[in-house]
Amino acid sequence: ARDPREVGTSSTTAYYWMNEELGPDFLWRFWTEM
């Protein structure tokens, strides 16, 4: 994956965060478990 902390990827991070069926839990597990 492209580094989510850098310019050009933030909208993807925002989508997962704002999607009510995914949200913070999905993001945390994706980056820490996979």
Full PDB file with SEQRES, HELIX, SHEET, SSBOND, CRYST1, ORIGX, SCALE, CONECT and MASTER records, all heavy atoms in Angstrom:
SEQRES   1 A   34  ALA ARG ASP PRO ARG GLU VAL GLY THR SER SER THR THR          
SEQRES   2 A   34  ALA TYR TYR TRP MET ASN GLU GLU LEU GLY PRO ASP PHE          
SEQRES   3 A   34  LEU TRP ARG PHE TRP THR GLU MET                              
HELIX    1 AA1 SER A   10  MET A   18  1                                   9    
HELIX    2 AA2 GLY A   23  GLU A   33  1                                  11    
CRYST1    1.000    1.000    1.000  90.00  90.00  90.00 P 1           1          
ORIGX1      1.000000  0.000000  0.000000        0.00000                         
ORIGX2      0.000000  1.000000  0.000000        0.00000                         
ORIGX3      0.000000  0.000000  1.000000        0.00000                         
SCALE1      1.000000  0.000000  0.000000        0.00000                         
SCALE2      0.000000  1.000000  0.000000        0.00000                         
SCALE3      0.000000  0.000000  1.000000        0.00000                         
ATOM      1  N   ALA A   1       0.839  -1.202   0.000  1.00  0.00           N  
ATOM      2  CA  ALA A   1       0.000   0.000   0.000  1.00  0.00           C  
ATOM      3  C   ALA A   1       0.868   1.245   0.000  1.00  0.00           C  
ATOM      4  O   ALA A   1       2.009   1.221   0.505  1.00  0.00           O  
ATOM      5  CB  ALA A   1      -0.918   0.018   1.220  1.00  0.00           C  
ATOM      6  N   ARG A   2       0.354   2.294  -0.580  1.00  0.00           N  
ATOM      7  CA  ARG A   2       1.006   3.589  -0.442  1.00  0.00           C  
ATOM      8  C   ARG A   2       0.873   4.051   1.007  1.00  0.00           C  
ATOM      9  O   ARG A   2      -0.142   3.794   1.659  1.00  0.00           O  
ATOM     10  CB  ARG A   2       0.384   4.604  -1.394  1.00  0.00           C  
ATOM     11  CG  ARG A   2       0.681   4.321  -2.848  1.00  0.00           C  
ATOM     12  CD  ARG A   2       0.029   5.351  -3.735  1.00  0.00           C  
ATOM     13  NE  ARG A   2       0.557   6.690  -3.473  1.00  0.00           N  
ATOM     14  CZ  ARG A   2       0.026   7.801  -3.950  1.00  0.00           C  
ATOM     15  NH1 ARG A   2      -1.087   7.745  -4.685  1.00  0.00           N  
ATOM     16  NH2 ARG A   2       0.564   8.975  -3.684  1.00  0.00           N  
ATOM     17  N   ASP A   3       1.888   4.716   1.484  1.00  0.00           N  
ATOM     18  CA  ASP A   3       1.909   5.143   2.877  1.00  0.00           C  
ATOM     19  C   ASP A   3       0.732   6.081   3.155  1.00  0.00           C  
ATOM     20  O   ASP A   3       0.636   7.162   2.551  1.00  0.00           O  
ATOM     21  CB  ASP A   3       3.226   5.862   3.171  1.00  0.00           C  
ATOM     22  CG  ASP A   3       3.486   6.015   4.669  1.00  0.00           C  
ATOM     23  OD1 ASP A   3       2.515   6.290   5.409  1.00  0.00           O  
ATOM     24  OD2 ASP A   3       4.642   5.864   5.086  1.00  0.00           O  
ATOM     25  N   PRO A   4      -0.173   5.723   4.050  1.00  0.00           N  
ATOM     26  CA  PRO A   4      -1.367   6.533   4.295  1.00  0.00           C  
ATOM     27  C   PRO A   4      -1.076   7.852   4.999  1.00  0.00           C  
ATOM     28  O   PRO A   4      -1.957   8.703   5.108  1.00  0.00           O  
ATOM     29  CB  PRO A   4      -2.233   5.629   5.169  1.00  0.00           C  
ATOM     30  CG  PRO A   4      -1.253   4.776   5.897  1.00  0.00           C  
ATOM     31  CD  PRO A   4      -0.139   4.522   4.905  1.00  0.00           C  
ATOM     32  N   ARG A   5       0.136   8.047   5.479  1.00  0.00           N  
ATOM     33  CA  ARG A   5       0.490   9.272   6.173  1.00  0.00           C  
ATOM     34  C   ARG A   5       0.955  10.363   5.221  1.00  0.00           C  
ATOM     35  O   ARG A   5       1.210  11.498   5.647  1.00  0.00           O  
ATOM     36  CB  ARG A   5       1.596   8.975   7.201  1.00  0.00           C  
ATOM     37  CG  ARG A   5       1.157   8.034   8.318  1.00  0.00           C  
ATOM     38  CD  ARG A   5       2.318   7.457   9.086  1.00  0.00           C  
ATOM     39  NE  ARG A   5       3.132   6.562   8.262  1.00  0.00           N  
ATOM     40  CZ  ARG A   5       4.051   5.718   8.734  1.00  0.00           C  
ATOM     41  NH1 ARG A   5       4.247   5.654  10.049  1.00  0.00           N  
ATOM     42  NH2 ARG A   5       4.756   4.947   7.919  1.00  0.00           N  
ATOM     43  N   GLU A   6       1.066  10.045   3.937  1.00  0.00           N  
ATOM     44  CA  GLU A   6       1.617  10.992   2.978  1.00  0.00           C  
ATOM     45  C   GLU A   6       0.533  11.577   2.078  1.00  0.00           C  
ATOM     46  O   GLU A   6      -0.565  11.019   1.939  1.00  0.00           O  
ATOM     47  CB  GLU A   6       2.696  10.300   2.132  1.00  0.00           C  
ATOM     48  CG  GLU A   6       3.877   9.841   2.972  1.00  0.00           C  
ATOM     49  CD  GLU A   6       4.979   9.205   2.147  1.00  0.00           C  
ATOM     50  OE1 GLU A   6       4.773   9.034   0.919  1.00  0.00           O  
ATOM     51  OE2 GLU A   6       6.034   8.879   2.723  1.00  0.00           O  
ATOM     52  N   VAL A   7       0.884  12.728   1.482  1.00  0.00           N  
ATOM     53  CA  VAL A   7      -0.043  13.424   0.587  1.00  0.00           C  
ATOM     54  C   VAL A   7      -0.436  12.509  -0.562  1.00  0.00           C  
ATOM     55  O   VAL A   7       0.388  11.795  -1.122  1.00  0.00           O  
ATOM     56  CB  VAL A   7       0.620  14.709   0.042  1.00  0.00           C  
ATOM     57  CG1 VAL A   7      -0.259  15.344  -1.038  1.00  0.00           C  
ATOM     58  CG2 VAL A   7       0.867  15.698   1.164  1.00  0.00           C  
ATOM     59  N   GLY A   8      -1.715  12.530  -0.902  1.00  0.00           N  
ATOM     60  CA  GLY A   8      -2.202  11.754  -2.036  1.00  0.00           C  
ATOM     61  C   GLY A   8      -2.971  10.511  -1.645  1.00  0.00           C  
ATOM     62  O   GLY A   8      -3.557   9.849  -2.503  1.00  0.00           O  
ATOM     63  N   THR A   9      -2.972  10.196  -0.360  1.00  0.00           N  
ATOM     64  CA  THR A   9      -3.666   8.984   0.087  1.00  0.00           C  
ATOM     65  C   THR A   9      -4.729   9.266   1.145  1.00  0.00           C  
ATOM     66  O   THR A   9      -5.453   8.361   1.561  1.00  0.00           O  
ATOM     67  CB  THR A   9      -2.658   7.979   0.682  1.00  0.00           C  
ATOM     68  OG1 THR A   9      -2.038   8.572   1.828  1.00  0.00           O  
ATOM     69  CG2 THR A   9      -1.583   7.605  -0.327  1.00  0.00           C  
ATOM     70  N   SER A  10      -4.813  10.503   1.594  1.00  0.00           N  
ATOM     71  CA  SER A  10      -5.651  10.811   2.753  1.00  0.00           C  
ATOM     72  C   SER A  10      -7.133  10.536   2.521  1.00  0.00           C  
ATOM     73  O   SER A  10      -7.853  10.162   3.454  1.00  0.00           O  
ATOM     74  CB  SER A  10      -5.460  12.272   3.160  1.00  0.00           C  
ATOM     75  OG  SER A  10      -5.788  13.145   2.100  1.00  0.00           O  
ATOM     76  N   SER A  11      -7.618  10.717   1.287  1.00  0.00           N  
ATOM     77  CA  SER A  11      -9.050  10.504   1.050  1.00  0.00           C  
ATOM     78  C   SER A  11      -9.436   9.039   1.246  1.00  0.00           C  
ATOM     79  O   SER A  11     -10.561   8.743   1.661  1.00  0.00           O  
ATOM     80  CB  SER A  11      -9.440  10.970  -0.350  1.00  0.00           C  
ATOM     81  OG  SER A  11      -8.749  10.230  -1.344  1.00  0.00           O  
ATOM     82  N   THR A  12      -8.496   8.124   0.953  1.00  0.00           N  
ATOM     83  CA  THR A  12      -8.781   6.700   1.181  1.00  0.00           C  
ATOM     84  C   THR A  12      -8.912   6.423   2.674  1.00  0.00           C  
ATOM     85  O   THR A  12      -9.829   5.720   3.118  1.00  0.00           O  
ATOM     86  CB  THR A  12      -7.666   5.825   0.581  1.00  0.00           C  
ATOM     87  OG1 THR A  12      -7.549   6.112  -0.811  1.00  0.00           O  
ATOM     88  CG2 THR A  12      -7.998   4.348   0.761  1.00  0.00           C  
ATOM     89  N   THR A  13      -8.000   6.979   3.449  1.00  0.00           N  
ATOM     90  CA  THR A  13      -8.081   6.833   4.902  1.00  0.00           C  
ATOM     91  C   THR A  13      -9.391   7.408   5.424  1.00  0.00           C  
ATOM     92  O   THR A  13     -10.056   6.802   6.277  1.00  0.00           O  
ATOM     93  CB  THR A  13      -6.895   7.538   5.570  1.00  0.00           C  
ATOM     94  OG1 THR A  13      -5.673   6.976   5.095  1.00  0.00           O  
ATOM     95  CG2 THR A  13      -6.963   7.408   7.083  1.00  0.00           C  
ATOM     96  N   ALA A  14      -9.779   8.576   4.906  1.00  0.00           N  
ATOM     97  CA  ALA A  14     -11.022   9.215   5.339  1.00  0.00           C  
ATOM     98  C   ALA A  14     -12.227   8.338   5.025  1.00  0.00           C  
ATOM     99  O   ALA A  14     -13.175   8.260   5.818  1.00  0.00           O  
ATOM    100  CB  ALA A  14     -11.179  10.577   4.674  1.00  0.00           C  
ATOM    101  N   TYR A  15     -12.203   7.669   3.876  1.00  0.00           N  
ATOM    102  CA  TYR A  15     -13.340   6.818   3.502  1.00  0.00           C  
ATOM    103  C   TYR A  15     -13.527   5.685   4.506  1.00  0.00           C  
ATOM    104  O   TYR A  15     -14.638   5.441   4.984  1.00  0.00           O  
ATOM    105  CB  TYR A  15     -13.141   6.244   2.103  1.00  0.00           C  
ATOM    106  CG  TYR A  15     -14.079   5.088   1.812  1.00  0.00           C  
ATOM    107  CD1 TYR A  15     -15.447   5.318   1.670  1.00  0.00           C  
ATOM    108  CD2 TYR A  15     -13.611   3.783   1.722  1.00  0.00           C  
ATOM    109  CE1 TYR A  15     -16.321   4.263   1.431  1.00  0.00           C  
ATOM    110  CE2 TYR A  15     -14.472   2.729   1.486  1.00  0.00           C  
ATOM    111  CZ  TYR A  15     -15.833   2.975   1.344  1.00  0.00           C  
ATOM    112  OH  TYR A  15     -16.692   1.939   1.117  1.00  0.00           O  
ATOM    113  N   TYR A  16     -12.461   4.985   4.819  1.00  0.00           N  
ATOM    114  CA  TYR A  16     -12.577   3.880   5.774  1.00  0.00           C  
ATOM    115  C   TYR A  16     -13.006   4.386   7.156  1.00  0.00           C  
ATOM    116  O   TYR A  16     -13.782   3.734   7.860  1.00  0.00           O  
ATOM    117  CB  TYR A  16     -11.250   3.119   5.875  1.00  0.00           C  
ATOM    118  CG  TYR A  16     -10.976   2.235   4.679  1.00  0.00           C  
ATOM    119  CD1 TYR A  16      -9.970   2.536   3.770  1.00  0.00           C  
ATOM    120  CD2 TYR A  16     -11.733   1.086   4.461  1.00  0.00           C  
ATOM    121  CE1 TYR A  16      -9.718   1.725   2.677  1.00  0.00           C  
ATOM    122  CE2 TYR A  16     -11.492   0.262   3.369  1.00  0.00           C  
ATOM    123  CZ  TYR A  16     -10.488   0.593   2.475  1.00  0.00           C  
ATOM    124  OH  TYR A  16     -10.252  -0.209   1.391  1.00  0.00           O  
ATOM    125  N   TRP A  17     -12.499   5.544   7.534  1.00  0.00           N  
ATOM    126  CA  TRP A  17     -12.836   6.119   8.836  1.00  0.00           C  
ATOM    127  C   TRP A  17     -14.305   6.528   8.904  1.00  0.00           C  
ATOM    128  O   TRP A  17     -14.983   6.298   9.906  1.00  0.00           O  
ATOM    129  CB  TRP A  17     -11.934   7.318   9.093  1.00  0.00           C  
ATOM    130  CG  TRP A  17     -12.193   8.072  10.354  1.00  0.00           C  
ATOM    131  CD1 TRP A  17     -13.011   9.154  10.523  1.00  0.00           C  
ATOM    132  CD2 TRP A  17     -11.631   7.817  11.643  1.00  0.00           C  
ATOM    133  NE1 TRP A  17     -12.988   9.595  11.821  1.00  0.00           N  
ATOM    134  CE2 TRP A  17     -12.136   8.795  12.537  1.00  0.00           C  
ATOM    135  CE3 TRP A  17     -10.732   6.874  12.131  1.00  0.00           C  
ATOM    136  CZ2 TRP A  17     -11.783   8.850  13.876  1.00  0.00           C  
ATOM    137  CZ3 TRP A  17     -10.367   6.921  13.471  1.00  0.00           C  
ATOM    138  CH2 TRP A  17     -10.902   7.889  14.335  1.00  0.00           C  
ATOM    139  N   MET A  18     -14.813   7.141   7.833  1.00  0.00           N  
ATOM    140  CA  MET A  18     -16.162   7.693   7.836  1.00  0.00           C  
ATOM    141  C   MET A  18     -17.238   6.666   7.511  1.00  0.00           C  
ATOM    142  O   MET A  18     -18.412   6.892   7.807  1.00  0.00           O  
ATOM    143  CB  MET A  18     -16.240   8.844   6.824  1.00  0.00           C  
ATOM    144  CG  MET A  18     -15.359  10.029   7.197  1.00  0.00           C  
ATOM    145  SD  MET A  18     -15.212  11.255   5.862  1.00  0.00           S  
ATOM    146  CE  MET A  18     -16.901  11.786   5.721  1.00  0.00           C  
ATOM    147  N   ASN A  19     -16.862   5.561   6.905  1.00  0.00           N  
ATOM    148  CA  ASN A  19     -17.840   4.530   6.570  1.00  0.00           C  
ATOM    149  C   ASN A  19     -18.330   3.866   7.864  1.00  0.00           C  
ATOM    150  O   ASN A  19     -17.548   3.280   8.614  1.00  0.00           O  
ATOM    151  CB  ASN A  19     -17.209   3.483   5.649  1.00  0.00           C  
ATOM    152  CG  ASN A  19     -18.226   2.526   5.074  1.00  0.00           C  
ATOM    153  OD1 ASN A  19     -19.020   1.929   5.786  1.00  0.00           O  
ATOM    154  ND2 ASN A  19     -18.196   2.359   3.765  1.00  0.00           N  
ATOM    155  N   GLU A  20     -19.618   3.960   8.114  1.00  0.00           N  
ATOM    156  CA  GLU A  20     -20.165   3.474   9.383  1.00  0.00           C  
ATOM    157  C   GLU A  20     -20.024   1.964   9.548  1.00  0.00           C  
ATOM    158  O   GLU A  20     -20.073   1.459  10.669  1.00  0.00           O  
ATOM    159  CB  GLU A  20     -21.647   3.869   9.490  1.00  0.00           C  
ATOM    160  CG  GLU A  20     -21.857   5.377   9.574  1.00  0.00           C  
ATOM    161  CD  GLU A  20     -23.318   5.750   9.678  1.00  0.00           C  
ATOM    162  OE1 GLU A  20     -24.175   4.835   9.579  1.00  0.00           O  
ATOM    163  OE2 GLU A  20     -23.619   6.952   9.847  1.00  0.00           O  
ATOM    164  N   GLU A  21     -19.841   1.234   8.463  1.00  0.00           N  
ATOM    165  CA  GLU A  21     -19.675  -0.220   8.555  1.00  0.00           C  
ATOM    166  C   GLU A  21     -18.216  -0.641   8.695  1.00  0.00           C  
ATOM    167  O   GLU A  21     -17.922  -1.835   8.812  1.00  0.00           O  
ATOM    168  CB  GLU A  21     -20.292  -0.887   7.330  1.00  0.00           C  
ATOM    169  CG  GLU A  21     -21.793  -0.660   7.187  1.00  0.00           C  
ATOM    170  CD  GLU A  21     -22.374  -1.401   5.999  1.00  0.00           C  
ATOM    171  OE1 GLU A  21     -22.167  -2.630   5.913  1.00  0.00           O  
ATOM    172  OE2 GLU A  21     -23.016  -0.750   5.158  1.00  0.00           O  
ATOM    173  N   LEU A  22     -17.302   0.324   8.685  1.00  0.00           N  
ATOM    174  CA  LEU A  22     -15.875   0.028   8.822  1.00  0.00           C  
ATOM    175  C   LEU A  22     -15.310   0.814  10.007  1.00  0.00           C  
ATOM    176  O   LEU A  22     -15.209   0.280  11.089  1.00  0.00           O  
ATOM    177  CB  LEU A  22     -15.151   0.366   7.514  1.00  0.00           C  
ATOM    178  CG  LEU A  22     -15.604  -0.467   6.298  1.00  0.00           C  
ATOM    179  CD1 LEU A  22     -15.056   0.110   5.004  1.00  0.00           C  
ATOM    180  CD2 LEU A  22     -15.180  -1.922   6.466  1.00  0.00           C  
ATOM    181  N   GLY A  23     -14.926   2.062   9.772  1.00  0.00           N  
ATOM    182  CA  GLY A  23     -14.560   2.941  10.880  1.00  0.00           C  
ATOM    183  C   GLY A  23     -13.212   2.654  11.523  1.00  0.00           C  
ATOM    184  O   GLY A  23     -12.362   1.943  10.981  1.00  0.00           O  
ATOM    185  N   PRO A  24     -12.994   3.229  12.709  1.00  0.00           N  
ATOM    186  CA  PRO A  24     -11.698   3.132  13.391  1.00  0.00           C  
ATOM    187  C   PRO A  24     -11.243   1.703  13.649  1.00  0.00           C  
ATOM    188  O   PRO A  24     -10.049   1.409  13.551  1.00  0.00           O  
ATOM    189  CB  PRO A  24     -11.947   3.871  14.712  1.00  0.00           C  
ATOM    190  CG  PRO A  24     -13.090   4.797  14.424  1.00  0.00           C  
ATOM    191  CD  PRO A  24     -13.960   4.077  13.449  1.00  0.00           C  
ATOM    192  N   ASP A  25     -12.168   0.810  13.960  1.00  0.00           N  
ATOM    193  CA  ASP A  25     -11.792  -0.563  14.275  1.00  0.00           C  
ATOM    194  C   ASP A  25     -11.167  -1.254  13.069  1.00  0.00           C  
ATOM    195  O   ASP A  25     -10.145  -1.929  13.182  1.00  0.00           O  
ATOM    196  CB  ASP A  25     -13.015  -1.341  14.766  1.00  0.00           C  
ATOM    197  CG  ASP A  25     -12.650  -2.733  15.255  1.00  0.00           C  
ATOM    198  OD1 ASP A  25     -11.581  -2.884  15.894  1.00  0.00           O  
ATOM    199  OD2 ASP A  25     -13.419  -3.680  14.995  1.00  0.00           O  
ATOM    200  N   PHE A  26     -11.767  -1.074  11.911  1.00  0.00           N  
ATOM    201  CA  PHE A  26     -11.209  -1.698  10.709  1.00  0.00           C  
ATOM    202  C   PHE A  26      -9.812  -1.151  10.431  1.00  0.00           C  
ATOM    203  O   PHE A  26      -8.877  -1.923  10.154  1.00  0.00           O  
ATOM    204  CB  PHE A  26     -12.113  -1.458   9.497  1.00  0.00           C  
ATOM    205  CG  PHE A  26     -11.505  -1.949   8.217  1.00  0.00           C  
ATOM    206  CD1 PHE A  26     -11.610  -3.280   7.847  1.00  0.00           C  
ATOM    207  CD2 PHE A  26     -10.792  -1.088   7.382  1.00  0.00           C  
ATOM    208  CE1 PHE A  26     -11.017  -3.752   6.676  1.00  0.00           C  
ATOM    209  CE2 PHE A  26     -10.202  -1.537   6.215  1.00  0.00           C  
ATOM    210  CZ  PHE A  26     -10.317  -2.880   5.860  1.00  0.00           C  
ATOM    211  N   LEU A  27      -9.659   0.168  10.478  1.00  0.00           N  
ATOM    212  CA  LEU A  27      -8.358   0.753  10.193  1.00  0.00           C  
ATOM    213  C   LEU A  27      -7.286   0.247  11.158  1.00  0.00           C  
ATOM    214  O   LEU A  27      -6.167  -0.100  10.744  1.00  0.00           O  
ATOM    215  CB  LEU A  27      -8.434   2.284  10.281  1.00  0.00           C  
ATOM    216  CG  LEU A  27      -9.010   3.009   9.063  1.00  0.00           C  
ATOM    217  CD1 LEU A  27      -9.185   4.489   9.367  1.00  0.00           C  
ATOM    218  CD2 LEU A  27      -8.109   2.827   7.844  1.00  0.00           C  
ATOM    219  N   TRP A  28      -7.605   0.211  12.427  1.00  0.00           N  
ATOM    220  CA  TRP A  28      -6.618  -0.227  13.408  1.00  0.00           C  
ATOM    221  C   TRP A  28      -6.180  -1.678  13.148  1.00  0.00           C  
ATOM    222  O   TRP A  28      -4.978  -1.981  13.119  1.00  0.00           O  
ATOM    223  CB  TRP A  28      -7.166  -0.091  14.828  1.00  0.00           C  
ATOM    224  CG  TRP A  28      -6.114  -0.341  15.877  1.00  0.00           C  
ATOM    225  CD1 TRP A  28      -5.773  -1.542  16.427  1.00  0.00           C  
ATOM    226  CD2 TRP A  28      -5.261   0.638  16.457  1.00  0.00           C  
ATOM    227  NE1 TRP A  28      -4.757  -1.385  17.331  1.00  0.00           N  
ATOM    228  CE2 TRP A  28      -4.420  -0.044  17.373  1.00  0.00           C  
ATOM    229  CE3 TRP A  28      -5.132   2.020  16.322  1.00  0.00           C  
ATOM    230  CZ2 TRP A  28      -3.450   0.612  18.120  1.00  0.00           C  
ATOM    231  CZ3 TRP A  28      -4.157   2.677  17.080  1.00  0.00           C  
ATOM    232  CH2 TRP A  28      -3.341   1.973  17.959  1.00  0.00           C  
ATOM    233  N   ARG A  29      -7.128  -2.537  12.929  1.00  0.00           N  
ATOM    234  CA  ARG A  29      -6.799  -3.940  12.713  1.00  0.00           C  
ATOM    235  C   ARG A  29      -6.047  -4.148  11.394  1.00  0.00           C  
ATOM    236  O   ARG A  29      -5.119  -4.961  11.307  1.00  0.00           O  
ATOM    237  CB  ARG A  29      -8.068  -4.786  12.730  1.00  0.00           C  
ATOM    238  CG  ARG A  29      -8.720  -4.881  14.096  1.00  0.00           C  
ATOM    239  CD  ARG A  29      -9.872  -5.870  14.076  1.00  0.00           C  
ATOM    240  NE  ARG A  29      -9.422  -7.214  13.665  1.00  0.00           N  
ATOM    241  CZ  ARG A  29     -10.225  -8.228  13.368  1.00  0.00           C  
ATOM    242  NH1 ARG A  29     -11.541  -8.047  13.421  1.00  0.00           N  
ATOM    243  NH2 ARG A  29      -9.734  -9.388  13.010  1.00  0.00           N  
ATOM    244  N   PHE A  30      -6.445  -3.400  10.364  1.00  0.00           N  
ATOM    245  CA  PHE A  30      -5.782  -3.548   9.064  1.00  0.00           C  
ATOM    246  C   PHE A  30      -4.298  -3.202   9.175  1.00  0.00           C  
ATOM    247  O   PHE A  30      -3.435  -3.936   8.680  1.00  0.00           O  
ATOM    248  CB  PHE A  30      -6.460  -2.653   8.026  1.00  0.00           C  
ATOM    249  CG  PHE A  30      -5.868  -2.753   6.643  1.00  0.00           C  
ATOM    250  CD1 PHE A  30      -6.208  -3.813   5.816  1.00  0.00           C  
ATOM    251  CD2 PHE A  30      -4.965  -1.807   6.176  1.00  0.00           C  
ATOM    252  CE1 PHE A  30      -5.663  -3.927   4.542  1.00  0.00           C  
ATOM    253  CE2 PHE A  30      -4.421  -1.909   4.910  1.00  0.00           C  
ATOM    254  CZ  PHE A  30      -4.770  -2.976   4.083  1.00  0.00           C  
ATOM    255  N   TRP A  31      -3.982  -2.076   9.848  1.00  0.00           N  
ATOM    256  CA  TRP A  31      -2.591  -1.633   9.922  1.00  0.00           C  
ATOM    257  C   TRP A  31      -1.774  -2.398  10.961  1.00  0.00           C  
ATOM    258  O   TRP A  31      -0.544  -2.458  10.861  1.00  0.00           O  
ATOM    259  CB  TRP A  31      -2.527  -0.143  10.219  1.00  0.00           C  
ATOM    260  CG  TRP A  31      -3.052   0.713   9.104  1.00  0.00           C  
ATOM    261  CD1 TRP A  31      -4.059   1.622   9.174  1.00  0.00           C  
ATOM    262  CD2 TRP A  31      -2.596   0.747   7.751  1.00  0.00           C  
ATOM    263  NE1 TRP A  31      -4.266   2.213   7.955  1.00  0.00           N  
ATOM    264  CE2 TRP A  31      -3.380   1.684   7.057  1.00  0.00           C  
ATOM    265  CE3 TRP A  31      -1.608   0.058   7.049  1.00  0.00           C  
ATOM    266  CZ2 TRP A  31      -3.210   1.981   5.704  1.00  0.00           C  
ATOM    267  CZ3 TRP A  31      -1.431   0.340   5.697  1.00  0.00           C  
ATOM    268  CH2 TRP A  31      -2.215   1.288   5.031  1.00  0.00           C  
ATOM    269  N   THR A  32      -2.418  -2.982  11.938  1.00  0.00           N  
ATOM    270  CA  THR A  32      -1.653  -3.663  12.992  1.00  0.00           C  
ATOM    271  C   THR A  32      -1.595  -5.175  12.829  1.00  0.00           C  
ATOM    272  O   THR A  32      -0.684  -5.817  13.361  1.00  0.00           O  
ATOM    273  CB  THR A  32      -2.242  -3.339  14.377  1.00  0.00           C  
ATOM    274  OG1 THR A  32      -3.601  -3.779  14.433  1.00  0.00           O  
ATOM    275  CG2 THR A  32      -2.174  -1.837  14.662  1.00  0.00           C  
ATOM    276  N   GLU A  33      -2.534  -5.742  12.087  1.00  0.00           N  
ATOM    277  CA  GLU A  33      -2.595  -7.213  12.004  1.00  0.00           C  
ATOM    278  C   GLU A  33      -2.108  -7.777  10.676  1.00  0.00           C  
ATOM    279  O   GLU A  33      -1.701  -8.951  10.624  1.00  0.00           O  
ATOM    280  CB  GLU A  33      -4.038  -7.691  12.226  1.00  0.00           C  
ATOM    281  CG  GLU A  33      -4.593  -7.408  13.610  1.00  0.00           C  
ATOM    282  CD  GLU A  33      -6.027  -7.879  13.757  1.00  0.00           C  
ATOM    283  OE1 GLU A  33      -6.521  -8.633  12.874  1.00  0.00           O  
ATOM    284  OE2 GLU A  33      -6.677  -7.490  14.746  1.00  0.00           O  
ATOM    285  N   MET A  34      -2.139  -7.010   9.575  1.00  0.00           N  
ATOM    286  CA  MET A  34      -1.971  -7.598   8.250  1.00  0.00           C  
ATOM    287  C   MET A  34      -0.564  -7.468   7.681  1.00  0.00           C  
ATOM    288  O   MET A  34      -0.319  -7.888   6.538  1.00  0.00           O  
ATOM    289  CB  MET A  34      -2.987  -6.987   7.274  1.00  0.00           C  
ATOM    290  CG  MET A  34      -4.432  -7.146   7.722  1.00  0.00           C  
ATOM    291  SD  MET A  34      -4.811  -8.818   8.355  1.00  0.00           S  
ATOM    292  CE  MET A  34      -4.518  -9.822   6.915  1.00  0.00           C  
TER     293      MET A  34                                                      
MASTER        0    0    0    2    0    0    0    6  292    1    0    3          
END                                                                             
